[in-house]
């Protein structure tokens, strides 16, 4: 896992983090990890798989629509690229 150092953190911010961590029963470090995760990965973010599934459902795609790919796809292994 990556490590992060935050420099020049004001004392009052550090105190507030310690208090908040204590209220949640976490260490200050664990509280900061949770705050950062919630800030950059909110639960309301759009997940690509969910969005594609919803789109397929919205336009009425079924598994039968995808069976054609099994019949027409080339089963031969791909040739490696040549840069010559």
C-alpha atoms as a PDB file:
ATOM      1  CA  UNK A   1       0.000   0.000   0.000  1.00  0.00           C
ATOM      2  CA  UNK A   2       1.063   3.556  -0.602  1.00  0.00           C
ATOM      3  CA  UNK A   3       2.052   5.954   2.127  1.00  0.00           C
ATOM      4  CA  UNK A   4       1.196   9.632   2.297  1.00  0.00           C
ATOM      5  CA  UNK A   5       2.805  12.391   4.337  1.00  0.00           C
ATOM      6  CA  UNK A   6       0.894  15.597   4.956  1.00  0.00           C
ATOM      7  CA  UNK A   7       3.116  18.516   5.870  1.00  0.00           C
ATOM      8  CA  UNK A   8       2.174  21.819   7.483  1.00  0.00           C
ATOM      9  CA  UNK A   9      -1.116  20.539   8.911  1.00  0.00           C
ATOM     10  CA  UNK A  10      -2.460  23.213  11.244  1.00  0.00           C
ATOM     11  CA  UNK A  11      -2.584  22.195  14.908  1.00  0.00           C
ATOM     12  CA  UNK A  12      -6.322  22.863  15.133  1.00  0.00           C
ATOM     13  CA  UNK A  13      -6.971  20.525  12.174  1.00  0.00           C
ATOM     14  CA  UNK A  14      -4.872  17.807  13.789  1.00  0.00           C
ATOM     15  CA  UNK A  15      -6.752  18.249  17.082  1.00  0.00           C
ATOM     16  CA  UNK A  16     -10.088  18.055  15.275  1.00  0.00           C
ATOM     17  CA  UNK A  17      -8.976  14.868  13.530  1.00  0.00           C
ATOM     18  CA  UNK A  18      -7.950  13.302  16.834  1.00  0.00           C
ATOM     19  CA  UNK A  19     -11.309  14.217  18.403  1.00  0.00           C
ATOM     20  CA  UNK A  20     -13.245  12.893  15.421  1.00  0.00           C
ATOM     21  CA  UNK A  21     -11.219   9.670  15.463  1.00  0.00           C
ATOM     22  CA  UNK A  22     -11.909   9.187  19.165  1.00  0.00           C
ATOM     23  CA  UNK A  23     -15.641   9.727  18.595  1.00  0.00           C
ATOM     24  CA  UNK A  24     -15.597   6.980  15.959  1.00  0.00           C
ATOM     25  CA  UNK A  25     -13.339   4.681  17.963  1.00  0.00           C
ATOM     26  CA  UNK A  26     -10.536   4.894  15.388  1.00  0.00           C
ATOM     27  CA  UNK A  27      -6.931   5.923  15.438  1.00  0.00           C
ATOM     28  CA  UNK A  28      -6.218   9.291  13.859  1.00  0.00           C
ATOM     29  CA  UNK A  29      -4.549   7.514  10.950  1.00  0.00           C
ATOM     30  CA  UNK A  30      -7.560   5.245  10.366  1.00  0.00           C
ATOM     31  CA  UNK A  31      -9.886   8.242  10.522  1.00  0.00           C
ATOM     32  CA  UNK A  32      -7.840  10.102   7.907  1.00  0.00           C
ATOM     33  CA  UNK A  33      -7.926   7.022   5.634  1.00  0.00           C
ATOM     34  CA  UNK A  34     -11.700   6.848   5.952  1.00  0.00           C
ATOM     35  CA  UNK A  35     -12.131  10.578   5.270  1.00  0.00           C
ATOM     36  CA  UNK A  36      -9.931  10.371   2.177  1.00  0.00           C
ATOM     37  CA  UNK A  37     -11.673   7.252   0.863  1.00  0.00           C
ATOM     38  CA  UNK A  38     -15.105   8.840   1.295  1.00  0.00           C
ATOM     39  CA  UNK A  39     -13.926  12.013  -0.421  1.00  0.00           C
ATOM     40  CA  UNK A  40     -12.519  10.371  -3.533  1.00  0.00           C
ATOM     41  CA  UNK A  41     -14.709   7.254  -3.755  1.00  0.00           C
ATOM     42  CA  UNK A  42     -18.206   8.285  -2.668  1.00  0.00           C
ATOM     43  CA  UNK A  43     -20.948   5.661  -2.659  1.00  0.00           C
ATOM     44  CA  UNK A  44     -22.890   7.712  -5.218  1.00  0.00           C
ATOM     45  CA  UNK A  45     -20.159   7.430  -7.862  1.00  0.00           C
ATOM     46  CA  UNK A  46     -21.137   5.878 -11.174  1.00  0.00           C
ATOM     47  CA  UNK A  47     -19.781   2.363 -11.574  1.00  0.00           C
ATOM     48  CA  UNK A  48     -19.163   1.447 -15.209  1.00  0.00           C
ATOM     49  CA  UNK A  49     -20.509  -2.108 -14.954  1.00  0.00           C
ATOM     50  CA  UNK A  50     -23.704  -0.951 -13.268  1.00  0.00           C
ATOM     51  CA  UNK A  51     -24.164   1.817 -15.840  1.00  0.00           C
ATOM     52  CA  UNK A  52     -23.700  -0.593 -18.766  1.00  0.00           C
ATOM     53  CA  UNK A  53     -26.072  -3.156 -17.234  1.00  0.00           C
ATOM     54  CA  UNK A  54     -28.705  -0.457 -16.703  1.00  0.00           C
ATOM     55  CA  UNK A  55     -28.290   0.741 -20.287  1.00  0.00           C
ATOM     56  CA  UNK A  56     -28.665  -2.787 -21.648  1.00  0.00           C
ATOM     57  CA  UNK A  57     -31.757  -3.325 -19.522  1.00  0.00           C
ATOM     58  CA  UNK A  58     -33.191   0.026 -20.604  1.00  0.00           C
ATOM     59  CA  UNK A  59     -32.907  -0.776 -24.314  1.00  0.00           C
ATOM     60  CA  UNK A  60     -34.096  -4.350 -23.825  1.00  0.00           C
ATOM     61  CA  UNK A  61     -30.950  -6.392 -24.539  1.00  0.00           C
ATOM     62  CA  UNK A  62     -31.064 -10.067 -23.619  1.00  0.00           C
ATOM     63  CA  UNK A  63     -28.496 -12.867 -23.532  1.00  0.00           C
ATOM     64  CA  UNK A  64     -29.882 -14.030 -26.876  1.00  0.00           C
ATOM     65  CA  UNK A  65     -28.693 -10.763 -28.443  1.00  0.00           C
ATOM     66  CA  UNK A  66     -25.119 -11.679 -27.537  1.00  0.00           C
ATOM     67  CA  UNK A  67     -25.179 -15.266 -28.830  1.00  0.00           C
ATOM     68  CA  UNK A  68     -24.236 -14.001 -32.288  1.00  0.00           C
ATOM     69  CA  UNK A  69     -20.788 -13.085 -30.958  1.00  0.00           C
ATOM     70  CA  UNK A  70     -20.137 -16.727 -30.049  1.00  0.00           C
ATOM     71  CA  UNK A  71     -20.949 -17.777 -33.598  1.00  0.00           C
ATOM     72  CA  UNK A  72     -18.942 -15.161 -35.483  1.00  0.00           C
ATOM     73  CA  UNK A  73     -15.937 -14.545 -33.257  1.00  0.00           C
ATOM     74  CA  UNK A  74     -12.589 -15.781 -34.520  1.00  0.00           C
ATOM     75  CA  UNK A  75     -11.246 -18.469 -32.188  1.00  0.00           C
ATOM     76  CA  UNK A  76      -7.709 -18.391 -33.655  1.00  0.00           C
ATOM     77  CA  UNK A  77      -5.054 -16.886 -31.389  1.00  0.00           C
ATOM     78  CA  UNK A  78      -3.958 -13.372 -32.275  1.00  0.00           C
ATOM     79  CA  UNK A  79      -0.664 -12.892 -34.063  1.00  0.00           C
ATOM     80  CA  UNK A  80       1.893 -10.873 -32.107  1.00  0.00           C
ATOM     81  CA  UNK A  81       2.590  -7.360 -33.355  1.00  0.00           C
ATOM     82  CA  UNK A  82       5.648  -6.767 -35.453  1.00  0.00           C
ATOM     83  CA  UNK A  83       7.405  -3.433 -35.188  1.00  0.00           C
ATOM     84  CA  UNK A  84       9.699  -4.004 -38.142  1.00  0.00           C
END
